[in-house]
Amino acid sequence: MSQRGLSSPDSLGIYLTYSPKIDCSDSDRNCISNVRPEGLQYTAAAKKLIWLAKEATNLQISGVALKDESDVQEICVQSLSSMLA
């Protein structure tokens, strides 16, 4: 899906909606944007998408009700790994 106004033609946006319906608004969706080699790397975007999908399924919510805390979880895992090393 593309959006007008993006400054890079190779940029991707990924949208996730838990239990989508015809009348969903933008606030019901999570968006991972600027997915491209010079922006958010594909592997990082995939990790965010997996985290958001798991949380959306577990909590049965998405959009503004579901805050992306995948980076916080990654930092905690890295800190714990370095402490145990």
Protein backbone atom coordinates (compact mmCIF):
# COMPACT_ATOMS: atom_id res chain seq x y z
CA MET A 1 0.00 0.00 0.00
CA SER A 2 1.42 3.40 -0.86
CA GLN A 3 0.78 6.86 0.47
CA ARG A 4 1.05 10.16 -1.32
CA GLY A 5 3.62 12.56 -0.03
CA LEU A 6 6.29 10.05 0.84
CA SER A 7 9.67 11.43 -0.12
CA SER A 8 11.05 8.10 -1.32
CA PRO A 9 9.45 6.05 -4.09
CA ASP A 10 10.90 2.79 -2.72
CA SER A 11 9.42 3.23 0.76
CA LEU A 12 6.89 0.66 2.01
CA GLY A 13 4.20 1.00 4.64
CA ILE A 14 2.79 -2.01 6.49
CA TYR A 15 -0.66 -1.75 8.02
CA LEU A 16 -2.04 -4.09 10.69
CA THR A 17 -5.63 -4.12 11.91
CA TYR A 18 -7.03 -6.57 14.42
CA SER A 19 -10.47 -7.81 13.36
CA PRO A 20 -10.85 -5.40 10.41
CA LYS A 21 -14.28 -4.14 9.45
CA ILE A 22 -15.55 -2.01 6.56
CA ASP A 23 -15.87 1.10 8.75
CA CYS A 24 -12.38 0.91 10.34
CA SER A 25 -10.61 4.22 10.71
CA ASP A 26 -6.89 4.99 10.65
CA SER A 27 -6.90 4.99 14.46
CA ASP A 28 -7.81 1.27 14.34
CA ARG A 29 -4.62 0.43 12.43
CA ASN A 30 -0.96 0.15 13.33
CA CYS A 31 1.43 1.36 10.66
CA ILE A 32 5.08 0.50 10.18
CA SER A 33 6.42 3.08 7.74
CA ASN A 34 9.62 3.98 5.89
CA VAL A 35 10.48 0.32 5.28
CA ARG A 36 13.38 0.47 2.82
CA PRO A 37 17.15 -0.04 2.71
CA GLU A 38 17.88 3.58 3.75
CA GLY A 39 15.11 3.64 6.36
CA LEU A 40 13.73 0.92 8.60
CA GLN A 41 15.47 -2.27 7.49
CA TYR A 42 13.30 -5.17 6.30
CA THR A 43 14.35 -7.44 9.18
CA ALA A 44 13.57 -4.75 11.76
CA ALA A 45 10.17 -4.15 10.14
CA ALA A 46 9.46 -7.89 10.18
CA LYS A 47 10.31 -8.06 13.90
CA LYS A 48 7.96 -5.14 14.61
CA LEU A 49 5.20 -6.75 12.55
CA ILE A 50 5.55 -10.09 14.36
CA TRP A 51 5.53 -8.35 17.75
CA LEU A 52 2.48 -6.25 16.86
CA ALA A 53 0.61 -9.24 15.42
CA LYS A 54 1.24 -11.32 18.55
CA GLU A 55 0.19 -8.50 20.87
CA ALA A 56 -2.86 -7.64 18.76
CA THR A 57 -3.95 -11.28 18.88
CA ASN A 58 -3.30 -11.64 22.61
CA LEU A 59 -4.97 -8.35 23.59
CA GLN A 60 -7.55 -8.34 20.76
CA ILE A 61 -6.78 -4.70 19.92
CA SER A 62 -4.83 -2.66 17.39
CA GLY A 63 -4.30 0.95 16.39
CA VAL A 64 -3.93 3.66 19.03
CA ALA A 65 -4.94 1.14 21.71
CA LEU A 66 -1.83 -0.97 20.92
CA LYS A 67 1.44 0.85 21.48
CA ASP A 68 4.47 -0.57 19.66
CA GLU A 69 6.89 -1.52 22.43
CA SER A 70 8.89 -4.01 20.36
CA ASP A 71 12.03 -1.85 20.67
CA VAL A 72 11.72 -1.81 24.48
CA GLN A 73 11.49 -5.60 24.52
CA GLU A 74 14.55 -5.87 22.23
CA ILE A 75 16.59 -3.55 24.48
CA CYS A 76 15.64 -5.61 27.55
CA VAL A 77 16.65 -8.86 25.83
CA GLN A 78 19.99 -7.37 24.72
CA SER A 79 20.69 -6.00 28.22
CA LEU A 80 19.91 -9.32 29.84
CA SER A 81 22.10 -11.18 27.33
CA SER A 82 25.06 -8.89 27.97
CA MET A 83 24.64 -9.27 31.75
CA LEU A 84 24.69 -13.06 31.45
CA ALA A 85 27.71 -13.13 29.13
